Amino acid sequence: MTTAARLPDFSSVHWPEPPAAGEILARIDELGPGWRERRRVLDEAVEFPHENFAEAKAAGLHALTLPTEYGGPAASRRPGPGRSG
């Protein structure tokens, strides 16, 4: 039996519309100042930026590469049509 044969059928699930690229960039811009303020303290203390990751998750940035069929924006580091790498 293959793994695919055991997966549930999600075809009837309603997935939310993914955010536009401009909205994603705006979310990142909003987080930047707080991250900059904490970076020195975190670096000097050799601590993991737990608060930064929590903020990124709350802003939906943890799922940027989630495919659109599952409600994600399907972001990629690869250039798309009309974009250069």
PDB file of N, CA and C in Angstrom:
ATOM      1  N   MET A   1       0.850  -1.181   0.000  1.00  0.00           N
ATOM      2  CA  MET A   1       0.000   0.000   0.000  1.00  0.00           C
ATOM      3  C   MET A   1       0.893   1.241   0.000  1.00  0.00           C
ATOM      4  N   THR A   2       0.563   2.191  -0.841  1.00  0.00           N
ATOM      5  CA  THR A   2       1.350   3.421  -0.890  1.00  0.00           C
ATOM      6  C   THR A   2       0.838   4.415   0.136  1.00  0.00           C
ATOM      7  N   THR A   3       1.671   5.376   0.454  1.00  0.00           N
ATOM      8  CA  THR A   3       1.276   6.420   1.400  1.00  0.00           C
ATOM      9  C   THR A   3       0.079   7.201   0.866  1.00  0.00           C
ATOM     10  N   ALA A   4       0.088   7.498  -0.424  1.00  0.00           N
ATOM     11  CA  ALA A   4      -0.999   8.272  -1.022  1.00  0.00           C
ATOM     12  C   ALA A   4      -2.342   7.579  -0.856  1.00  0.00           C
ATOM     13  N   ALA A   5      -2.349   6.272  -0.872  1.00  0.00           N
ATOM     14  CA  ALA A   5      -3.605   5.539  -0.739  1.00  0.00           C
ATOM     15  C   ALA A   5      -4.203   5.684   0.655  1.00  0.00           C
ATOM     16  N   ARG A   6      -3.400   6.035   1.642  1.00  0.00           N
ATOM     17  CA  ARG A   6      -3.893   6.152   3.011  1.00  0.00           C
ATOM     18  C   ARG A   6      -4.264   7.579   3.406  1.00  0.00           C
ATOM     19  N   LEU A   7      -3.983   8.527   2.560  1.00  0.00           N
ATOM     20  CA  LEU A   7      -4.284   9.921   2.889  1.00  0.00           C
ATOM     21  C   LEU A   7      -5.768  10.211   2.710  1.00  0.00           C
ATOM     22  N   PRO A   8      -6.349  11.036   3.583  1.00  0.00           N
ATOM     23  CA  PRO A   8      -7.759  11.393   3.428  1.00  0.00           C
ATOM     24  C   PRO A   8      -7.967  12.292   2.214  1.00  0.00           C
ATOM     25  N   ASP A   9      -9.183  12.332   1.732  1.00  0.00           N
ATOM     26  CA  ASP A   9      -9.543  13.170   0.597  1.00  0.00           C
ATOM     27  C   ASP A   9      -9.904  14.561   1.105  1.00  0.00           C
ATOM     28  N   PHE A  10      -9.099  15.550   0.745  1.00  0.00           N
ATOM     29  CA  PHE A  10      -9.337  16.926   1.177  1.00  0.00           C
ATOM     30  C   PHE A  10     -10.006  17.764   0.090  1.00  0.00           C
ATOM     31  N   SER A  11     -10.477  17.149  -0.969  1.00  0.00           N
ATOM     32  CA  SER A  11     -11.008  17.903  -2.101  1.00  0.00           C
ATOM     33  C   SER A  11     -12.249  18.716  -1.762  1.00  0.00           C
ATOM     34  N   SER A  12     -12.995  18.341  -0.744  1.00  0.00           N
ATOM     35  CA  SER A  12     -14.208  19.088  -0.404  1.00  0.00           C
ATOM     36  C   SER A  12     -13.969  20.148   0.670  1.00  0.00           C
ATOM     37  N   VAL A  13     -12.746  20.265   1.151  1.00  0.00           N
ATOM     38  CA  VAL A  13     -12.426  21.246   2.191  1.00  0.00           C
ATOM     39  C   VAL A  13     -12.302  22.623   1.564  1.00  0.00           C
ATOM     40  N   HIS A  14     -12.899  23.641   2.209  1.00  0.00           N
ATOM     41  CA  HIS A  14     -12.762  25.021   1.735  1.00  0.00           C
ATOM     42  C   HIS A  14     -11.507  25.618   2.355  1.00  0.00           C
ATOM     43  N   TRP A  15     -10.562  25.994   1.514  1.00  0.00           N
ATOM     44  CA  TRP A  15      -9.331  26.611   1.990  1.00  0.00           C
ATOM     45  C   TRP A  15      -9.433  28.117   1.781  1.00  0.00           C
ATOM     46  N   PRO A  16      -8.943  28.919   2.727  1.00  0.00           N
ATOM     47  CA  PRO A  16      -9.025  30.370   2.581  1.00  0.00           C
ATOM     48  C   PRO A  16      -8.174  30.860   1.415  1.00  0.00           C
ATOM     49  N   GLU A  17      -8.520  32.010   0.898  1.00  0.00           N
ATOM     50  CA  GLU A  17      -7.768  32.626  -0.192  1.00  0.00           C
ATOM     51  C   GLU A  17      -6.383  33.027   0.328  1.00  0.00           C
ATOM     52  N   PRO A  18      -5.316  32.673  -0.375  1.00  0.00           N
ATOM     53  CA  PRO A  18      -3.979  33.036   0.098  1.00  0.00           C
ATOM     54  C   PRO A  18      -3.752  34.545   0.009  1.00  0.00           C
ATOM     55  N   PRO A  19      -2.902  35.082   0.878  1.00  0.00           N
ATOM     56  CA  PRO A  19      -2.635  36.522   0.833  1.00  0.00           C
ATOM     57  C   PRO A  19      -1.823  36.888  -0.409  1.00  0.00           C
ATOM     58  N   ALA A  20      -1.993  38.113  -0.861  1.00  0.00           N
ATOM     59  CA  ALA A  20      -1.238  38.611  -2.010  1.00  0.00           C
ATOM     60  C   ALA A  20       0.193  38.910  -1.581  1.00  0.00           C
ATOM     61  N   ALA A  21       1.101  38.963  -2.543  1.00  0.00           N
ATOM     62  CA  ALA A  21       2.514  39.217  -2.250  1.00  0.00           C
ATOM     63  C   ALA A  21       2.700  40.530  -1.497  1.00  0.00           C
ATOM     64  N   GLY A  22       1.965  41.564  -1.876  1.00  0.00           N
ATOM     65  CA  GLY A  22       2.080  42.857  -1.195  1.00  0.00           C
ATOM     66  C   GLY A  22       1.685  42.768   0.267  1.00  0.00           C
ATOM     67  N   GLU A  23       0.671  41.971   0.553  1.00  0.00           N
ATOM     68  CA  GLU A  23       0.228  41.788   1.936  1.00  0.00           C
ATOM     69  C   GLU A  23       1.292  41.047   2.749  1.00  0.00           C
ATOM     70  N   ILE A  24       1.903  40.060   2.146  1.00  0.00           N
ATOM     71  CA  ILE A  24       2.970  39.311   2.825  1.00  0.00           C
ATOM     72  C   ILE A  24       4.144  40.234   3.136  1.00  0.00           C
ATOM     73  N   LEU A  25       4.551  41.045   2.157  1.00  0.00           N
ATOM     74  CA  LEU A  25       5.665  41.972   2.371  1.00  0.00           C
ATOM     75  C   LEU A  25       5.329  43.006   3.435  1.00  0.00           C
ATOM     76  N   ALA A  26       4.082  43.450   3.484  1.00  0.00           N
ATOM     77  CA  ALA A  26       3.670  44.402   4.519  1.00  0.00           C
ATOM     78  C   ALA A  26       3.770  43.770   5.903  1.00  0.00           C
ATOM     79  N   ARG A  27       3.397  42.510   6.018  1.00  0.00           N
ATOM     80  CA  ARG A  27       3.509  41.808   7.301  1.00  0.00           C
ATOM     81  C   ARG A  27       4.970  41.731   7.747  1.00  0.00           C
ATOM     82  N   ILE A  28       5.850  41.430   6.804  1.00  0.00           N
ATOM     83  CA  ILE A  28       7.282  41.349   7.115  1.00  0.00           C
ATOM     84  C   ILE A  28       7.797  42.714   7.560  1.00  0.00           C
ATOM     85  N   ASP A  29       7.404  43.773   6.853  1.00  0.00           N
ATOM     86  CA  ASP A  29       7.826  45.130   7.221  1.00  0.00           C
ATOM     87  C   ASP A  29       7.375  45.502   8.628  1.00  0.00           C
ATOM     88  N   GLU A  30       6.195  45.056   9.022  1.00  0.00           N
ATOM     89  CA  GLU A  30       5.686  45.358  10.363  1.00  0.00           C
ATOM     90  C   GLU A  30       6.506  44.668  11.450  1.00  0.00           C
ATOM     91  N   LEU A  31       7.028  43.497  11.155  1.00  0.00           N
ATOM     92  CA  LEU A  31       7.786  42.735  12.147  1.00  0.00           C
ATOM     93  C   LEU A  31       9.227  43.215  12.290  1.00  0.00           C
ATOM     94  N   GLY A  32       9.777  43.798  11.254  1.00  0.00           N
ATOM     95  CA  GLY A  32      11.185  44.181  11.235  1.00  0.00           C
ATOM     96  C   GLY A  32      11.665  45.008  12.416  1.00  0.00           C
ATOM     97  N   PRO A  33      10.980  46.090  12.782  1.00  0.00           N
ATOM     98  CA  PRO A  33      11.473  46.913  13.889  1.00  0.00           C
ATOM     99  C   PRO A  33      11.623  46.148  15.206  1.00  0.00           C
ATOM    100  N   GLY A  34      10.665  45.332  15.544  1.00  0.00           N
ATOM    101  CA  GLY A  34      10.751  44.552  16.782  1.00  0.00           C
ATOM    102  C   GLY A  34      11.894  43.557  16.746  1.00  0.00           C
ATOM    103  N   TRP A  35      12.085  42.949  15.593  1.00  0.00           N
ATOM    104  CA  TRP A  35      13.183  41.984  15.449  1.00  0.00           C
ATOM    105  C   TRP A  35      14.526  42.690  15.568  1.00  0.00           C
ATOM    106  N   ARG A  36      14.640  43.887  14.964  1.00  0.00           N
ATOM    107  CA  ARG A  36      15.893  44.644  15.055  1.00  0.00           C
ATOM    108  C   ARG A  36      16.194  45.028  16.498  1.00  0.00           C
ATOM    109  N   GLU A  37      15.160  45.414  17.245  1.00  0.00           N
ATOM    110  CA  GLU A  37      15.358  45.799  18.643  1.00  0.00           C
ATOM    111  C   GLU A  37      15.875  44.629  19.479  1.00  0.00           C
ATOM    112  N   ARG A  38      15.418  43.431  19.187  1.00  0.00           N
ATOM    113  CA  ARG A  38      15.786  42.265  19.994  1.00  0.00           C
ATOM    114  C   ARG A  38      17.075  41.578  19.555  1.00  0.00           C
ATOM    115  N   ARG A  39      17.555  41.863  18.369  1.00  0.00           N
ATOM    116  CA  ARG A  39      18.657  41.065  17.818  1.00  0.00           C
ATOM    117  C   ARG A  39      19.927  41.115  18.649  1.00  0.00           C
ATOM    118  N   ARG A  40      20.314  42.290  19.119  1.00  0.00           N
ATOM    119  CA  ARG A  40      21.564  42.392  19.874  1.00  0.00           C
ATOM    120  C   ARG A  40      21.481  41.623  21.188  1.00  0.00           C
ATOM    121  N   VAL A  41      20.379  41.787  21.904  1.00  0.00           N
ATOM    122  CA  VAL A  41      20.199  41.076  23.176  1.00  0.00           C
ATOM    123  C   VAL A  41      20.233  39.568  22.944  1.00  0.00           C
ATOM    124  N   LEU A  42      19.536  39.114  21.912  1.00  0.00           N
ATOM    125  CA  LEU A  42      19.512  37.683  21.604  1.00  0.00           C
ATOM    126  C   LEU A  42      20.898  37.171  21.216  1.00  0.00           C
ATOM    127  N   ASP A  43      21.609  37.950  20.408  1.00  0.00           N
ATOM    128  CA  ASP A  43      22.952  37.534  19.995  1.00  0.00           C
ATOM    129  C   ASP A  43      23.903  37.461  21.184  1.00  0.00           C
ATOM    130  N   GLU A  44      23.877  38.484  22.021  1.00  0.00           N
ATOM    131  CA  GLU A  44      24.782  38.512  23.173  1.00  0.00           C
ATOM    132  C   GLU A  44      24.461  37.404  24.171  1.00  0.00           C
ATOM    133  N   ALA A  45      23.191  37.093  24.329  1.00  0.00           N
ATOM    134  CA  ALA A  45      22.776  36.049  25.268  1.00  0.00           C
ATOM    135  C   ALA A  45      22.817  34.654  24.631  1.00  0.00           C
ATOM    136  N   VAL A  46      23.096  34.600  23.334  1.00  0.00           N
ATOM    137  CA  VAL A  46      23.097  33.351  22.570  1.00  0.00           C
ATOM    138  C   VAL A  46      21.772  32.613  22.805  1.00  0.00           C
ATOM    139  N   GLU A  47      20.682  33.341  22.571  1.00  0.00           N
ATOM    140  CA  GLU A  47      19.337  32.795  22.767  1.00  0.00           C
ATOM    141  C   GLU A  47      18.616  32.652  21.432  1.00  0.00           C
ATOM    142  N   PHE A  48      17.756  31.664  21.375  1.00  0.00           N
ATOM    143  CA  PHE A  48      16.916  31.459  20.197  1.00  0.00           C
ATOM    144  C   PHE A  48      15.819  32.527  20.184  1.00  0.00           C
ATOM    145  N   PRO A  49      15.489  33.103  19.020  1.00  0.00           N
ATOM    146  CA  PRO A  49      14.479  34.166  18.940  1.00  0.00           C
ATOM    147  C   PRO A  49      13.036  33.635  18.976  1.00  0.00           C
ATOM    148  N   HIS A  50      12.646  33.048  20.089  1.00  0.00           N
ATOM    149  CA  HIS A  50      11.305  32.462  20.213  1.00  0.00           C
ATOM    150  C   HIS A  50      10.206  33.479  19.902  1.00  0.00           C
ATOM    151  N   GLU A  51      10.353  34.693  20.412  1.00  0.00           N
ATOM    152  CA  GLU A  51       9.330  35.722  20.186  1.00  0.00           C
ATOM    153  C   GLU A  51       9.219  36.061  18.698  1.00  0.00           C
ATOM    154  N   ASN A  52      10.344  36.129  18.005  1.00  0.00           N
ATOM    155  CA  ASN A  52      10.317  36.413  16.570  1.00  0.00           C
ATOM    156  C   ASN A  52       9.568  35.324  15.804  1.00  0.00           C
ATOM    157  N   PHE A  53       9.833  34.072  16.149  1.00  0.00           N
ATOM    158  CA  PHE A  53       9.151  32.968  15.473  1.00  0.00           C
ATOM    159  C   PHE A  53       7.655  32.975  15.778  1.00  0.00           C
ATOM    160  N   ALA A  54       7.290  33.297  17.004  1.00  0.00           N
ATOM    161  CA  ALA A  54       5.870  33.372  17.361  1.00  0.00           C
ATOM    162  C   ALA A  54       5.182  34.477  16.561  1.00  0.00           C
ATOM    163  N   GLU A  55       5.853  35.613  16.415  1.00  0.00           N
ATOM    164  CA  GLU A  55       5.286  36.714  15.629  1.00  0.00           C
ATOM    165  C   GLU A  55       5.172  36.335  14.154  1.00  0.00           C
ATOM    166  N   ALA A  56       6.183  35.665  13.635  1.00  0.00           N
ATOM    167  CA  ALA A  56       6.141  35.238  12.232  1.00  0.00           C
ATOM    168  C   ALA A  56       4.989  34.265  11.999  1.00  0.00           C
ATOM    169  N   LYS A  57       4.796  33.356  12.934  1.00  0.00           N
ATOM    170  CA  LYS A  57       3.698  32.394  12.806  1.00  0.00           C
ATOM    171  C   LYS A  57       2.350  33.105  12.885  1.00  0.00           C
ATOM    172  N   ALA A  58       2.218  34.035  13.832  1.00  0.00           N
ATOM    173  CA  ALA A  58       0.961  34.782  13.968  1.00  0.00           C
ATOM    174  C   ALA A  58       0.653  35.586  12.705  1.00  0.00           C
ATOM    175  N   ALA A  59       1.698  36.023  12.001  1.00  0.00           N
ATOM    176  CA  ALA A  59       1.524  36.789  10.765  1.00  0.00           C
ATOM    177  C   ALA A  59       1.308  35.879   9.557  1.00  0.00           C
ATOM    178  N   GLY A  60       1.352  34.565   9.773  1.00  0.00           N
ATOM    179  CA  GLY A  60       1.126  33.620   8.686  1.00  0.00           C
ATOM    180  C   GLY A  60       2.343  33.350   7.827  1.00  0.00           C
ATOM    181  N   LEU A  61       3.507  33.775   8.283  1.00  0.00           N
ATOM    182  CA  LEU A  61       4.711  33.614   7.478  1.00  0.00           C
ATOM    183  C   LEU A  61       5.276  32.199   7.529  1.00  0.00           C
ATOM    184  N   HIS A  62       4.825  31.406   8.478  1.00  0.00           N
ATOM    185  CA  HIS A  62       5.323  30.033   8.603  1.00  0.00           C
ATOM    186  C   HIS A  62       4.813  29.124   7.484  1.00  0.00           C
ATOM    187  N   ALA A  63       3.811  29.564   6.768  1.00  0.00           N
ATOM    188  CA  ALA A  63       3.193  28.717   5.743  1.00  0.00           C
ATOM    189  C   ALA A  63       3.342  29.304   4.340  1.00  0.00           C
ATOM    190  N   LEU A  64       4.368  30.101   4.115  1.00  0.00           N
ATOM    191  CA  LEU A  64       4.522  30.766   2.821  1.00  0.00           C
ATOM    192  C   LEU A  64       4.635  29.802   1.648  1.00  0.00           C
ATOM    193  N   THR A  65       5.227  28.649   1.868  1.00  0.00           N
ATOM    194  CA  THR A  65       5.401  27.708   0.758  1.00  0.00           C
ATOM    195  C   THR A  65       4.269  26.691   0.647  1.00  0.00           C
ATOM    196  N   LEU A  66       3.261  26.823   1.484  1.00  0.00           N
ATOM    197  CA  LEU A  66       2.110  25.922   1.420  1.00  0.00           C
ATOM    198  C   LEU A  66       1.411  26.105   0.074  1.00  0.00           C
ATOM    199  N   PRO A  67       1.128  25.026  -0.643  1.00  0.00           N
ATOM    200  CA  PRO A  67       0.489  25.143  -1.956  1.00  0.00           C
ATOM    201  C   PRO A  67      -0.869  25.853  -1.884  1.00  0.00           C
ATOM    202  N   THR A  68      -1.233  26.520  -2.959  1.00  0.00           N
ATOM    203  CA  THR A  68      -2.495  27.258  -2.999  1.00  0.00           C
ATOM    204  C   THR A  68      -3.700  26.351  -2.810  1.00  0.00           C
ATOM    205  N   GLU A  69      -3.610  25.098  -3.253  1.00  0.00           N
ATOM    206  CA  GLU A  69      -4.758  24.206  -3.086  1.00  0.00           C
ATOM    207  C   GLU A  69      -5.038  23.886  -1.623  1.00  0.00           C
ATOM    208  N   TYR A  70      -4.102  24.218  -0.746  1.00  0.00           N
ATOM    209  CA  TYR A  70      -4.309  24.024   0.694  1.00  0.00           C
ATOM    210  C   TYR A  70      -4.399  25.354   1.436  1.00  0.00           C
ATOM    211  N   GLY A  71      -4.617  26.438   0.704  1.00  0.00           N
ATOM    212  CA  GLY A  71      -4.818  27.740   1.322  1.00  0.00           C
ATOM    213  C   GLY A  71      -3.578  28.579   1.498  1.00  0.00           C
ATOM    214  N   GLY A  72      -2.458  28.130   0.999  1.00  0.00           N
ATOM    215  CA  GLY A  72      -1.216  28.892   1.136  1.00  0.00           C
ATOM    216  C   GLY A  72      -0.928  29.734  -0.088  1.00  0.00           C
ATOM    217  N   PRO A  73       0.059  30.604   0.011  1.00  0.00           N
ATOM    218  CA  PRO A  73       0.408  31.455  -1.125  1.00  0.00           C
ATOM    219  C   PRO A  73       1.365  30.800  -2.118  1.00  0.00           C
ATOM    220  N   ALA A  74       1.860  29.607  -1.801  1.00  0.00           N
ATOM    221  CA  ALA A  74       2.781  28.867  -2.681  1.00  0.00           C
ATOM    222  C   ALA A  74       3.997  29.706  -3.058  1.00  0.00           C
ATOM    223  N   ALA A  75       4.524  30.446  -2.096  1.00  0.00           N
ATOM    224  CA  ALA A  75       5.704  31.271  -2.346  1.00  0.00           C
ATOM    225  C   ALA A  75       6.897  30.381  -2.664  1.00  0.00           C
ATOM    226  N   SER A  76       7.791  30.913  -3.470  1.00  0.00           N
ATOM    227  CA  SER A  76       8.968  30.160  -3.873  1.00  0.00           C
ATOM    228  C   SER A  76      10.152  31.101  -3.993  1.00  0.00           C
ATOM    229  N   ARG A  77      11.332  30.565  -3.786  1.00  0.00           N
ATOM    230  CA  ARG A  77      12.539  31.351  -4.007  1.00  0.00           C
ATOM    231  C   ARG A  77      12.906  31.345  -5.481  1.00  0.00           C
ATOM    232  N   ARG A  78      12.278  30.487  -6.233  1.00  0.00           N
ATOM    233  CA  ARG A  78      12.550  30.418  -7.661  1.00  0.00           C
ATOM    234  C   ARG A  78      11.823  31.548  -8.372  1.00  0.00           C
ATOM    235  N   PRO A  79      12.487  32.175  -9.330  1.00  0.00           N
ATOM    236  CA  PRO A  79      11.806  33.245 -10.064  1.00  0.00           C
ATOM    237  C   PRO A  79      10.687  32.695 -10.938  1.00  0.00           C
ATOM    238  N   GLY A  80       9.604  33.418 -10.985  1.00  0.00           N
ATOM    239  CA  GLY A  80       8.487  33.034 -11.828  1.00  0.00           C
ATOM    240  C   GLY A  80       8.554  33.755 -13.158  1.00  0.00           C
ATOM    241  N   PRO A  81       7.512  33.627 -13.965  1.00  0.00           N
ATOM    242  CA  PRO A  81       7.489  34.298 -15.266  1.00  0.00           C
ATOM    243  C   PRO A  81       7.651  35.810 -15.103  1.00  0.00           C
ATOM    244  N   GLY A  82       8.551  36.393 -15.856  1.00  0.00           N
ATOM    245  CA  GLY A  82       8.740  37.836 -15.819  1.00  0.00           C
ATOM    246  C   GLY A  82       9.587  38.327 -14.660  1.00  0.00           C
ATOM    247  N   ARG A  83      10.116  37.415 -13.857  1.00  0.00           N
ATOM    248  CA  ARG A  83      10.953  37.820 -12.717  1.00  0.00           C
ATOM    249  C   ARG A  83      12.349  37.250 -12.906  1.00  0.00           C
ATOM    250  N   SER A  84      13.326  37.973 -12.422  1.00  0.00           N
ATOM    251  CA  SER A  84      14.695  37.461 -12.498  1.00  0.00           C
ATOM    252  C   SER A  84      15.111  36.943 -11.139  1.00  0.00           C
ATOM    253  N   GLY A  85      16.066  36.025 -11.132  1.00  0.00           N
ATOM    254  CA  GLY A  85      16.529  35.405  -9.905  1.00  0.00           C
ATOM    255  C   GLY A  85      17.462  36.285  -9.174  1.00  0.00           C
TER     256      GLY A  85
END
